[in-house]
């Protein structure tokens, strides 16, 4: 019997998170004859392969695994391999660091049926089991109230026919391949884009620290390629150029630090110092984390501000490299 919906997952070296995702899928309340799971992974070790071979969903015939050579499977390539191997006419993408509630598969299938032919984005919120980590410095998670312009693949549903028509994700992009696919499907193929907030999943909260955050940044250079290919992206950028509001404010703050640039040019040192403080204040108010109104909370936010500056500066540098490569401007 052909399943009605396929859950497609790209996975890379996160076997424990993947196990939690599969366990959550095992608890779905939709009849298992109506859906399937395809996981594409490229881990170097054997832990993920053993998990996928022995998990109860595999023994039940619901789960299939695709393995790419170690380190060769970008998220775009893995997702393409996954949906092409799926049998269902509706494809729900999620990530290996998500954990959906029991009604997620049924909700995704129902939402796709209510919007035939459309891309449907569900809601994503930080995992309640890890909510205490949200306040950690440089914590990473997702909070999405759909539909948002970026069409993130942690919780989104595509008709298989639309994936076939578009050719799927652009495997040349290091980031933003999910946004690019949705924009291409909507612009060139006239696909509708709808939100389904009732189709909820939970995203993990990772508190990896500053170094882990900095190591993850170079891939964002690929976003400039998305902006080059789809001019409509600029409607969602600050001043049509800046990816984040904090990037624009950091650029403003930098103007006060360079004596040869206006508005600092020709001013005496004392005035330049005051001007630099005034231009940096909006960035500090935007970027400094807020942990409360007490003295200790405020001090913690101030102490973490230099790390936020490093992250924003590294993101801007990555986007500059991407802008040069793609001959466009995105910061």
C-alpha atoms as a PDB file:
ATOM      1  CA  UNK A   1       0.000   0.000   0.000  1.00  0.00           C
ATOM      2  CA  UNK A   2       1.451   3.350  -1.059  1.00  0.00           C
ATOM      3  CA  UNK A   3       1.890   5.735   1.899  1.00  0.00           C
ATOM      4  CA  UNK A   4       0.174   9.123   1.787  1.00  0.00           C
ATOM      5  CA  UNK A   5       3.039  11.084   3.351  1.00  0.00           C
ATOM      6  CA  UNK A   6       6.796  10.710   3.619  1.00  0.00           C
ATOM      7  CA  UNK A   7       8.868  12.214   6.424  1.00  0.00           C
ATOM      8  CA  UNK A   8      12.315  13.051   5.023  1.00  0.00           C
ATOM      9  CA  UNK A   9      15.248  13.728   7.347  1.00  0.00           C
ATOM     10  CA  UNK A  10      18.806  14.811   6.567  1.00  0.00           C
ATOM     11  CA  UNK A  11      21.244  13.731   9.285  1.00  0.00           C
ATOM     12  CA  UNK A  12      24.924  14.303   9.977  1.00  0.00           C
ATOM     13  CA  UNK A  13      26.780  12.987  13.045  1.00  0.00           C
ATOM     14  CA  UNK A  14      23.886  13.447  15.474  1.00  0.00           C
ATOM     15  CA  UNK A  15      22.879   9.902  16.303  1.00  0.00           C
ATOM     16  CA  UNK A  16      21.492  10.716  19.759  1.00  0.00           C
ATOM     17  CA  UNK A  17      19.335  13.571  18.476  1.00  0.00           C
ATOM     18  CA  UNK A  18      18.240  11.375  15.583  1.00  0.00           C
ATOM     19  CA  UNK A  19      17.220   8.633  18.018  1.00  0.00           C
ATOM     20  CA  UNK A  20      15.023  11.117  19.893  1.00  0.00           C
ATOM     21  CA  UNK A  21      13.420  12.188  16.627  1.00  0.00           C
ATOM     22  CA  UNK A  22      12.748   8.584  15.617  1.00  0.00           C
ATOM     23  CA  UNK A  23      11.330   7.818  19.056  1.00  0.00           C
ATOM     24  CA  UNK A  24       8.967  10.781  18.667  1.00  0.00           C
ATOM     25  CA  UNK A  25       7.941   9.528  15.233  1.00  0.00           C
ATOM     26  CA  UNK A  26       7.350   6.078  16.693  1.00  0.00           C
ATOM     27  CA  UNK A  27       4.722   7.675  18.949  1.00  0.00           C
ATOM     28  CA  UNK A  28       2.776   9.318  16.121  1.00  0.00           C
ATOM     29  CA  UNK A  29      -0.941   8.608  16.228  1.00  0.00           C
ATOM     30  CA  UNK A  30      -1.501   8.206  12.476  1.00  0.00           C
ATOM     31  CA  UNK A  31      -1.827   4.642  11.196  1.00  0.00           C
ATOM     32  CA  UNK A  32       1.637   3.521  10.090  1.00  0.00           C
ATOM     33  CA  UNK A  33       0.376   2.204   6.788  1.00  0.00           C
ATOM     34  CA  UNK A  34      -0.270   5.830   5.747  1.00  0.00           C
ATOM     35  CA  UNK A  35       3.238   7.239   6.172  1.00  0.00           C
ATOM     36  CA  UNK A  36       6.908   6.425   5.817  1.00  0.00           C
ATOM     37  CA  UNK A  37      10.243   7.803   7.035  1.00  0.00           C
ATOM     38  CA  UNK A  38      13.355   8.213   4.885  1.00  0.00           C
ATOM     39  CA  UNK A  39      16.599   9.229   6.596  1.00  0.00           C
ATOM     40  CA  UNK A  40      19.635  10.160   4.505  1.00  0.00           C
ATOM     41  CA  UNK A  41      22.918  10.381   6.434  1.00  0.00           C
ATOM     42  CA  UNK A  42      26.665  10.591   5.825  1.00  0.00           C
ATOM     43  CA  UNK A  43      28.186   9.749   9.212  1.00  0.00           C
ATOM     44  CA  UNK A  44      31.727   8.406   9.328  1.00  0.00           C
ATOM     45  CA  UNK A  45      31.027   5.920  12.136  1.00  0.00           C
ATOM     46  CA  UNK A  46      28.518   3.101  12.410  1.00  0.00           C
ATOM     47  CA  UNK A  47      26.338   4.268  15.307  1.00  0.00           C
ATOM     48  CA  UNK A  48      23.725   5.938  13.111  1.00  0.00           C
ATOM     49  CA  UNK A  49      23.680   2.999  10.701  1.00  0.00           C
ATOM     50  CA  UNK A  50      23.028   0.602  13.589  1.00  0.00           C
ATOM     51  CA  UNK A  51      20.294   2.869  14.937  1.00  0.00           C
ATOM     52  CA  UNK A  52      18.523   3.025  11.600  1.00  0.00           C
ATOM     53  CA  UNK A  53      18.777  -0.729  11.091  1.00  0.00           C
ATOM     54  CA  UNK A  54      17.479  -1.707  14.526  1.00  0.00           C
ATOM     55  CA  UNK A  55      14.953   0.992  15.427  1.00  0.00           C
ATOM     56  CA  UNK A  56      11.368  -0.275  15.866  1.00  0.00           C
ATOM     57  CA  UNK A  57      10.224   1.859  12.927  1.00  0.00           C
ATOM     58  CA  UNK A  58      12.694  -0.009  10.714  1.00  0.00           C
ATOM     59  CA  UNK A  59      11.489  -3.368  11.966  1.00  0.00           C
ATOM     60  CA  UNK A  60       7.917  -2.235  11.264  1.00  0.00           C
ATOM     61  CA  UNK A  61       8.820  -1.403   7.665  1.00  0.00           C
ATOM     62  CA  UNK A  62       8.156   2.332   8.125  1.00  0.00           C
ATOM     63  CA  UNK A  63      11.766   3.542   8.171  1.00  0.00           C
ATOM     64  CA  UNK A  64      14.301   3.350   5.362  1.00  0.00           C
ATOM     65  CA  UNK A  65      17.882   4.612   5.429  1.00  0.00           C
ATOM     66  CA  UNK A  66      20.070   6.030   2.681  1.00  0.00           C
ATOM     67  CA  UNK A  67      23.796   6.380   3.278  1.00  0.00           C
ATOM     68  CA  UNK A  68      26.134   8.716   1.420  1.00  0.00           C
ATOM     69  CA  UNK A  69      29.943   8.588   1.643  1.00  0.00           C
ATOM     70  CA  UNK A  70      31.198  10.190   4.848  1.00  0.00           C
ATOM     71  CA  UNK A  71      31.249  13.980   4.726  1.00  0.00           C
ATOM     72  CA  UNK A  72      29.828  14.281   1.210  1.00  0.00           C
ATOM     73  CA  UNK A  73      26.178  14.872   2.004  1.00  0.00           C
ATOM     74  CA  UNK A  74      25.212  18.520   2.304  1.00  0.00           C
ATOM     75  CA  UNK A  75      21.744  19.022   3.752  1.00  0.00           C
ATOM     76  CA  UNK A  76      20.455  19.873   0.275  1.00  0.00           C
ATOM     77  CA  UNK A  77      21.917  16.717  -1.261  1.00  0.00           C
ATOM     78  CA  UNK A  78      20.580  14.539   1.543  1.00  0.00           C
ATOM     79  CA  UNK A  79      17.084  15.988   1.323  1.00  0.00           C
ATOM     80  CA  UNK A  80      17.059  15.531  -2.447  1.00  0.00           C
ATOM     81  CA  UNK A  81      18.116  11.917  -2.088  1.00  0.00           C
ATOM     82  CA  UNK A  82      15.472  11.427   0.582  1.00  0.00           C
ATOM     83  CA  UNK A  83      12.455  12.778  -1.262  1.00  0.00           C
ATOM     84  CA  UNK A  84      13.461  11.042  -4.485  1.00  0.00           C
ATOM     85  CA  UNK A  85      13.568   7.715  -2.658  1.00  0.00           C
ATOM     86  CA  UNK A  86      10.202   8.328  -0.991  1.00  0.00           C
ATOM     87  CA  UNK A  87       7.026   6.801  -2.414  1.00  0.00           C
ATOM     88  CA  UNK A  88       4.414   9.202  -1.031  1.00  0.00           C
ATOM     89  CA  UNK A  89       2.836  12.106  -2.968  1.00  0.00           C
ATOM     90  CA  UNK A  90       3.319  14.450   0.006  1.00  0.00           C
ATOM     91  CA  UNK A  91       6.736  15.071   1.598  1.00  0.00           C
ATOM     92  CA  UNK A  92       7.212  16.512   5.086  1.00  0.00           C
ATOM     93  CA  UNK A  93      10.745  17.685   5.833  1.00  0.00           C
ATOM     94  CA  UNK A  94      12.124  17.887   9.339  1.00  0.00           C
ATOM     95  CA  UNK A  95      15.597  17.899  10.876  1.00  0.00           C
ATOM     96  CA  UNK A  96      17.454  15.429  13.045  1.00  0.00           C
ATOM     97  CA  UNK A  97      17.435  17.874  15.949  1.00  0.00           C
ATOM     98  CA  UNK A  98      13.631  18.136  16.132  1.00  0.00           C
ATOM     99  CA  UNK A  99      11.109  16.203  18.219  1.00  0.00           C
ATOM    100  CA  UNK A 100       7.490  16.420  17.040  1.00  0.00           C
ATOM    101  CA  UNK A 101       4.443  15.802  19.252  1.00  0.00           C
ATOM    102  CA  UNK A 102       2.289  12.762  18.566  1.00  0.00           C
ATOM    103  CA  UNK A 103      -0.114  14.534  16.205  1.00  0.00           C
ATOM    104  CA  UNK A 104       2.497  16.037  13.900  1.00  0.00           C
ATOM    105  CA  UNK A 105       2.355  13.537  11.002  1.00  0.00           C
ATOM    106  CA  UNK A 106      -1.451  13.480  10.973  1.00  0.00           C
ATOM    107  CA  UNK A 107      -1.546  17.277  11.162  1.00  0.00           C
ATOM    108  CA  UNK A 108       0.936  17.661   8.307  1.00  0.00           C
ATOM    109  CA  UNK A 109      -1.074  15.317   6.090  1.00  0.00           C
ATOM    110  CA  UNK A 110      -4.330  17.102   6.926  1.00  0.00           C
ATOM    111  CA  UNK A 111      -2.810  20.533   6.262  1.00  0.00           C
ATOM    112  CA  UNK A 112      -1.492  19.353   2.891  1.00  0.00           C
ATOM    113  CA  UNK A 113      -4.958  18.065   2.017  1.00  0.00           C
ATOM    114  CA  UNK A 114      -6.523  21.408   2.887  1.00  0.00           C
ATOM    115  CA  UNK A 115      -4.003  23.262   0.679  1.00  0.00           C
ATOM    116  CA  UNK A 116      -3.493  20.957  -2.346  1.00  0.00           C
ATOM    117  CA  UNK A 117      -0.447  21.893  -4.383  1.00  0.00           C
ATOM    118  CA  UNK A 118       0.811  24.396  -1.792  1.00  0.00           C
ATOM    119  CA  UNK A 119       3.957  24.545   0.300  1.00  0.00           C
ATOM    120  CA  UNK A 120       2.776  24.380   3.915  1.00  0.00           C
ATOM    121  CA  UNK A 121       4.958  25.495   6.796  1.00  0.00           C
ATOM    122  CA  UNK A 122       4.215  24.372  10.341  1.00  0.00           C
ATOM    123  CA  UNK A 123       5.159  26.008  13.623  1.00  0.00           C
ATOM    124  CA  UNK A 124       8.471  25.339  15.373  1.00  0.00           C
ATOM    125  CA  UNK A 125       9.258  26.186  18.984  1.00  0.00           C
ATOM    126  CA  UNK A 126      12.089  25.414  21.399  1.00  0.00           C
ATOM    127  CA  UNK A 127      11.812  21.951  22.901  1.00  0.00           C
ATOM    128  CA  UNK A 128      10.093  22.289  26.306  1.00  0.00           C
ATOM    129  CA  UNK A 129      12.416  19.585  27.683  1.00  0.00           C
ATOM    130  CA  UNK A 130      15.377  21.887  26.994  1.00  0.00           C
ATOM    131  CA  UNK A 131      13.727  25.255  27.607  1.00  0.00           C
ATOM    132  CA  UNK A 132      16.079  25.940  30.529  1.00  0.00           C
ATOM    133  CA  UNK A 133      18.967  26.179  28.028  1.00  0.00           C
ATOM    134  CA  UNK A 134      17.457  29.052  26.041  1.00  0.00           C
ATOM    135  CA  UNK A 135      19.093  31.585  28.370  1.00  0.00           C
ATOM    136  CA  UNK A 136      22.563  30.098  27.825  1.00  0.00           C
ATOM    137  CA  UNK A 137      24.980  32.372  25.948  1.00  0.00           C
ATOM    138  CA  UNK A 138      24.766  31.825  22.180  1.00  0.00           C
ATOM    139  CA  UNK A 139      22.114  29.114  22.503  1.00  0.00           C
ATOM    140  CA  UNK A 140      20.742  27.915  19.166  1.00  0.00           C
ATOM    141  CA  UNK A 141      17.142  26.923  18.530  1.00  0.00           C
ATOM    142  CA  UNK A 142      14.177  27.825  16.320  1.00  0.00           C
ATOM    143  CA  UNK A 143      10.958  29.704  17.040  1.00  0.00           C
ATOM    144  CA  UNK A 144       8.841  29.994  13.903  1.00  0.00           C
ATOM    145  CA  UNK A 145       5.253  31.200  13.668  1.00  0.00           C
ATOM    146  CA  UNK A 146       4.336  30.363  10.066  1.00  0.00           C
ATOM    147  CA  UNK A 147       4.445  31.335   7.368  1.00  0.00           C
ATOM    148  CA  UNK A 148       7.777  33.176   7.425  1.00  0.00           C
ATOM    149  CA  UNK A 149       9.788  34.181   4.318  1.00  0.00           C
ATOM    150  CA  UNK A 150      12.627  31.729   4.939  1.00  0.00           C
ATOM    151  CA  UNK A 151      10.619  28.467   4.589  1.00  0.00           C
ATOM    152  CA  UNK A 152      12.882  26.531   6.953  1.00  0.00           C
ATOM    153  CA  UNK A 153      12.926  22.782   6.467  1.00  0.00           C
ATOM    154  CA  UNK A 154      12.679  21.905  10.152  1.00  0.00           C
ATOM    155  CA  UNK A 155       8.915  21.733   9.595  1.00  0.00           C
ATOM    156  CA  UNK A 156       7.605  22.146   6.066  1.00  0.00           C
ATOM    157  CA  UNK A 157       5.485  20.111   3.652  1.00  0.00           C
ATOM    158  CA  UNK A 158       5.844  19.948  -0.145  1.00  0.00           C
ATOM    159  CA  UNK A 159       3.821  18.155  -2.797  1.00  0.00           C
ATOM    160  CA  UNK A 160       6.127  15.637  -4.418  1.00  0.00           C
ATOM    161  CA  UNK A 161       4.983  16.849  -7.843  1.00  0.00           C
ATOM    162  CA  UNK A 162       6.296  20.321  -7.017  1.00  0.00           C
ATOM    163  CA  UNK A 163       9.657  18.926  -5.913  1.00  0.00           C
ATOM    164  CA  UNK A 164       9.893  17.016  -9.184  1.00  0.00           C
ATOM    165  CA  UNK A 165       8.975  20.089 -11.224  1.00  0.00           C
ATOM    166  CA  UNK A 166      11.572  22.294  -9.510  1.00  0.00           C
ATOM    167  CA  UNK A 167      14.290  19.650  -9.346  1.00  0.00           C
ATOM    168  CA  UNK A 168      14.512  20.030  -5.574  1.00  0.00           C
ATOM    169  CA  UNK A 169      17.077  21.831  -3.471  1.00  0.00           C
ATOM    170  CA  UNK A 170      20.049  23.662  -4.994  1.00  0.00           C
ATOM    171  CA  UNK A 171      23.003  21.537  -3.905  1.00  0.00           C
ATOM    172  CA  UNK A 172      25.543  24.273  -4.702  1.00  0.00           C
ATOM    173  CA  UNK A 173      24.393  26.460  -1.795  1.00  0.00           C
ATOM    174  CA  UNK A 174      26.071  26.186   1.616  1.00  0.00           C
ATOM    175  CA  UNK A 175      23.067  27.792   3.323  1.00  0.00           C
ATOM    176  CA  UNK A 176      19.628  29.079   2.435  1.00  0.00           C
ATOM    177  CA  UNK A 177      18.803  26.156   0.147  1.00  0.00           C
ATOM    178  CA  UNK A 178      15.417  25.800   1.849  1.00  0.00           C
ATOM    179  CA  UNK A 179      14.578  29.467   1.262  1.00  0.00           C
ATOM    180  CA  UNK A 180      15.808  29.323  -2.325  1.00  0.00           C
ATOM    181  CA  UNK A 181      13.666  26.293  -3.171  1.00  0.00           C
ATOM    182  CA  UNK A 182      10.502  27.890  -1.801  1.00  0.00           C
ATOM    183  CA  UNK A 183      11.175  31.155  -3.650  1.00  0.00           C
ATOM    184  CA  UNK A 184      11.838  29.304  -6.905  1.00  0.00           C
ATOM    185  CA  UNK A 185       8.733  27.159  -6.499  1.00  0.00           C
ATOM    186  CA  UNK A 186       6.589  30.212  -5.811  1.00  0.00           C
ATOM    187  CA  UNK A 187       8.111  32.473  -8.462  1.00  0.00           C
ATOM    188  CA  UNK A 188       8.726  30.149 -11.396  1.00  0.00           C
ATOM    189  CA  UNK A 189       6.020  27.553 -10.754  1.00  0.00           C
ATOM    190  CA  UNK A 190       3.292  29.604  -9.087  1.00  0.00           C
ATOM    191  CA  UNK A 191       3.115  27.491  -5.941  1.00  0.00           C
ATOM    192  CA  UNK A 192       1.070  28.827  -3.059  1.00  0.00           C
ATOM    193  CA  UNK A 193       2.707  29.185   0.366  1.00  0.00           C
ATOM    194  CA  UNK A 194       0.601  28.719   3.490  1.00  0.00           C
ATOM    195  CA  UNK A 195       1.107  28.542   7.224  1.00  0.00           C
ATOM    196  CA  UNK A 196      -0.313  25.816   9.461  1.00  0.00           C
ATOM    197  CA  UNK A 197       0.473  26.781  13.067  1.00  0.00           C
ATOM    198  CA  UNK A 198      -1.360  23.733  14.344  1.00  0.00           C
ATOM    199  CA  UNK A 199       1.305  21.512  12.734  1.00  0.00           C
ATOM    200  CA  UNK A 200       3.773  21.956  15.569  1.00  0.00           C
ATOM    201  CA  UNK A 201       7.202  20.499  16.144  1.00  0.00           C
ATOM    202  CA  UNK A 202       9.859  21.155  18.773  1.00  0.00           C
ATOM    203  CA  UNK A 203      13.432  22.132  17.969  1.00  0.00           C
ATOM    204  CA  UNK A 204      16.323  21.284  20.254  1.00  0.00           C
ATOM    205  CA  UNK A 205      18.134  23.971  22.229  1.00  0.00           C
ATOM    206  CA  UNK A 206      21.888  23.706  21.830  1.00  0.00           C
ATOM    207  CA  UNK A 207      24.131  25.675  24.171  1.00  0.00           C
ATOM    208  CA  UNK A 208      27.410  25.100  22.381  1.00  0.00           C
ATOM    209  CA  UNK A 209      29.146  28.308  23.443  1.00  0.00           C
ATOM    210  CA  UNK A 210      30.913  31.050  21.528  1.00  0.00           C
ATOM    211  CA  UNK A 211      33.512  28.925  19.704  1.00  0.00           C
ATOM    212  CA  UNK A 212      30.892  26.515  18.415  1.00  0.00           C
ATOM    213  CA  UNK A 213      28.815  29.461  17.250  1.00  0.00           C
ATOM    214  CA  UNK A 214      31.770  31.004  15.401  1.00  0.00           C
ATOM    215  CA  UNK A 215      32.646  27.686  13.725  1.00  0.00           C
ATOM    216  CA  UNK A 216      29.139  27.430  12.297  1.00  0.00           C
ATOM    217  CA  UNK A 217      29.124  30.883  10.700  1.00  0.00           C
ATOM    218  CA  UNK A 218      31.148  30.522   7.437  1.00  0.00           C
ATOM    219  CA  UNK A 219      28.344  28.592   5.731  1.00  0.00           C
ATOM    220  CA  UNK A 220      26.085  31.666   5.856  1.00  0.00           C
ATOM    221  CA  UNK A 221      28.061  33.077   2.930  1.00  0.00           C
ATOM    222  CA  UNK A 222      25.658  31.085   0.777  1.00  0.00           C
ATOM    223  CA  UNK A 223      22.812  33.437   1.683  1.00  0.00           C
ATOM    224  CA  UNK A 224      24.257  36.029  -0.681  1.00  0.00           C
ATOM    225  CA  UNK A 225      23.659  33.584  -3.521  1.00  0.00           C
ATOM    226  CA  UNK A 226      19.997  33.363  -2.556  1.00  0.00           C
ATOM    227  CA  UNK A 227      19.697  37.157  -2.557  1.00  0.00           C
ATOM    228  CA  UNK A 228      21.370  37.309  -5.975  1.00  0.00           C
ATOM    229  CA  UNK A 229      19.032  34.712  -7.487  1.00  0.00           C
ATOM    230  CA  UNK A 230      15.839  36.090  -5.913  1.00  0.00           C
ATOM    231  CA  UNK A 231      15.620  39.852  -5.689  1.00  0.00           C
ATOM    232  CA  UNK A 232      12.427  39.588  -3.639  1.00  0.00           C
ATOM    233  CA  UNK A 233      14.528  38.474  -0.665  1.00  0.00           C
ATOM    234  CA  UNK A 234      15.634  42.062  -0.202  1.00  0.00           C
ATOM    235  CA  UNK A 235      12.151  43.050   0.941  1.00  0.00           C
ATOM    236  CA  UNK A 236      12.872  41.089   4.092  1.00  0.00           C
ATOM    237  CA  UNK A 237      16.368  42.513   4.694  1.00  0.00           C
ATOM    238  CA  UNK A 238      17.045  45.594   6.793  1.00  0.00           C
ATOM    239  CA  UNK A 239      17.475  48.519   4.374  1.00  0.00           C
ATOM    240  CA  UNK A 240      17.444  45.879   1.625  1.00  0.00           C
ATOM    241  CA  UNK A 241      21.028  44.917   2.481  1.00  0.00           C
ATOM    242  CA  UNK A 242      21.472  43.681   6.054  1.00  0.00           C
ATOM    243  CA  UNK A 243      20.496  40.129   7.037  1.00  0.00           C
ATOM    244  CA  UNK A 244      19.926  41.098  10.656  1.00  0.00           C
ATOM    245  CA  UNK A 245      19.043  44.365  12.355  1.00  0.00           C
ATOM    246  CA  UNK A 246      22.094  43.912  14.593  1.00  0.00           C
ATOM    247  CA  UNK A 247      24.320  43.878  11.483  1.00  0.00           C
ATOM    248  CA  UNK A 248      23.005  47.283  10.403  1.00  0.00           C
ATOM    249  CA  UNK A 249      23.501  48.724  13.880  1.00  0.00           C
ATOM    250  CA  UNK A 250      27.011  47.285  14.128  1.00  0.00           C
ATOM    251  CA  UNK A 251      27.874  48.961  10.824  1.00  0.00           C
ATOM    252  CA  UNK A 252      26.547  52.234  12.240  1.00  0.00           C
ATOM    253  CA  UNK A 253      28.657  51.799  15.366  1.00  0.00           C
ATOM    254  CA  UNK A 254      31.737  51.169  13.224  1.00  0.00           C
ATOM    255  CA  UNK A 255      31.354  54.585  11.581  1.00  0.00           C
ATOM    256  CA  UNK A 256      32.233  56.270  14.849  1.00  0.00           C
ATOM    257  CA  UNK A 257      35.442  54.257  15.261  1.00  0.00           C
ATOM    258  CA  UNK A 258      37.151  55.257  12.017  1.00  0.00           C
ATOM    259  CA  UNK A 259      38.542  58.827  12.224  1.00  0.00           C
ATOM    260  CA  UNK A 260      38.770  59.197   8.461  1.00  0.00           C
ATOM    261  CA  UNK A 261      35.114  58.410   7.801  1.00  0.00           C
ATOM    262  CA  UNK A 262      32.154  60.711   8.220  1.00  0.00           C
ATOM    263  CA  UNK A 263      30.722  61.661  10.644  1.00  0.00           C
ATOM    264  CA  UNK A 264      33.945  61.405  12.704  1.00  0.00           C
ATOM    265  CA  UNK A 265      36.170  63.138  10.135  1.00  0.00           C
ATOM    266  CA  UNK A 266      37.741  66.391  11.354  1.00  0.00           C
ATOM    267  CA  UNK A 267      36.423  66.175  14.893  1.00  0.00           C
ATOM    268  CA  UNK A 268      38.725  66.442  17.931  1.00  0.00           C
ATOM    269  CA  UNK A 269      39.397  63.230  19.876  1.00  0.00           C
ATOM    270  CA  UNK A 270      36.964  64.005  22.685  1.00  0.00           C
ATOM    271  CA  UNK A 271      34.114  64.615  20.271  1.00  0.00           C
ATOM    272  CA  UNK A 272      34.986  61.500  18.315  1.00  0.00           C
ATOM    273  CA  UNK A 273      34.846  59.435  21.519  1.00  0.00           C
ATOM    274  CA  UNK A 274      31.422  60.843  22.415  1.00  0.00           C
ATOM    275  CA  UNK A 275      30.209  60.271  18.877  1.00  0.00           C
ATOM    276  CA  UNK A 276      31.488  56.688  18.901  1.00  0.00           C
ATOM    277  CA  UNK A 277      29.602  55.994  22.136  1.00  0.00           C
ATOM    278  CA  UNK A 278      26.430  57.540  20.740  1.00  0.00           C
ATOM    279  CA  UNK A 279      26.618  55.470  17.539  1.00  0.00           C
ATOM    280  CA  UNK A 280      27.398  52.279  19.463  1.00  0.00           C
ATOM    281  CA  UNK A 281      24.501  52.659  21.898  1.00  0.00           C
ATOM    282  CA  UNK A 282      21.754  51.434  19.509  1.00  0.00           C
ATOM    283  CA  UNK A 283      23.780  48.295  18.799  1.00  0.00           C
ATOM    284  CA  UNK A 284      24.377  47.661  22.501  1.00  0.00           C
ATOM    285  CA  UNK A 285      20.674  48.014  23.241  1.00  0.00           C
ATOM    286  CA  UNK A 286      19.809  45.644  20.387  1.00  0.00           C
ATOM    287  CA  UNK A 287      22.483  42.983  20.849  1.00  0.00           C
ATOM    288  CA  UNK A 288      22.993  42.753  24.600  1.00  0.00           C
ATOM    289  CA  UNK A 289      21.049  39.757  25.951  1.00  0.00           C
ATOM    290  CA  UNK A 290      18.375  40.501  28.519  1.00  0.00           C
ATOM    291  CA  UNK A 291      18.150  38.304  31.582  1.00  0.00           C
ATOM    292  CA  UNK A 292      16.044  40.583  33.738  1.00  0.00           C
ATOM    293  CA  UNK A 293      16.106  44.020  35.341  1.00  0.00           C
ATOM    294  CA  UNK A 294      18.226  43.251  38.392  1.00  0.00           C
ATOM    295  CA  UNK A 295      21.879  44.347  38.723  1.00  0.00           C
ATOM    296  CA  UNK A 296      23.290  40.828  38.270  1.00  0.00           C
ATOM    297  CA  UNK A 297      21.161  40.269  35.153  1.00  0.00           C
ATOM    298  CA  UNK A 298      22.308  43.549  33.635  1.00  0.00           C
ATOM    299  CA  UNK A 299      25.956  42.833  34.390  1.00  0.00           C
ATOM    300  CA  UNK A 300      25.661  39.408  32.758  1.00  0.00           C
ATOM    301  CA  UNK A 301      24.190  40.974  29.617  1.00  0.00           C
ATOM    302  CA  UNK A 302      27.012  43.518  29.436  1.00  0.00           C
ATOM    303  CA  UNK A 303      29.668  40.827  29.902  1.00  0.00           C
ATOM    304  CA  UNK A 304      28.208  38.797  27.037  1.00  0.00           C
ATOM    305  CA  UNK A 305      28.027  41.761  24.659  1.00  0.00           C
ATOM    306  CA  UNK A 306      31.634  41.371  23.328  1.00  0.00           C
ATOM    307  CA  UNK A 307      30.759  37.835  22.247  1.00  0.00           C
ATOM    308  CA  UNK A 308      27.708  39.132  20.406  1.00  0.00           C
ATOM    309  CA  UNK A 309      29.950  41.642  18.625  1.00  0.00           C
ATOM    310  CA  UNK A 310      32.265  38.807  17.521  1.00  0.00           C
ATOM    311  CA  UNK A 311      29.336  36.761  16.215  1.00  0.00           C
ATOM    312  CA  UNK A 312      27.800  39.646  14.277  1.00  0.00           C
ATOM    313  CA  UNK A 313      31.194  40.683  12.874  1.00  0.00           C
ATOM    314  CA  UNK A 314      31.924  37.106  11.799  1.00  0.00           C
ATOM    315  CA  UNK A 315      28.508  36.846  10.128  1.00  0.00           C
ATOM    316  CA  UNK A 316      29.079  40.108   8.260  1.00  0.00           C
ATOM    317  CA  UNK A 317      32.537  38.888   7.167  1.00  0.00           C
ATOM    318  CA  UNK A 318      31.024  35.632   5.870  1.00  0.00           C
ATOM    319  CA  UNK A 319      28.372  37.562   3.962  1.00  0.00           C
ATOM    320  CA  UNK A 320      31.019  39.877   2.505  1.00  0.00           C
ATOM    321  CA  UNK A 321      32.822  36.810   1.139  1.00  0.00           C
ATOM    322  CA  UNK A 322      29.548  35.541  -0.248  1.00  0.00           C
ATOM    323  CA  UNK A 323      28.762  38.930  -1.756  1.00  0.00           C
ATOM    324  CA  UNK A 324      32.107  38.967  -3.554  1.00  0.00           C
ATOM    325  CA  UNK A 325      31.613  35.416  -4.802  1.00  0.00           C
ATOM    326  CA  UNK A 326      28.076  36.064  -6.061  1.00  0.00           C
ATOM    327  CA  UNK A 327      28.647  39.674  -7.166  1.00  0.00           C
ATOM    328  CA  UNK A 328      25.903  41.152  -5.032  1.00  0.00           C
ATOM    329  CA  UNK A 329      25.681  43.008  -1.734  1.00  0.00           C
ATOM    330  CA  UNK A 330      24.323  41.388   1.413  1.00  0.00           C
ATOM    331  CA  UNK A 331      25.720  42.043   4.861  1.00  0.00           C
END
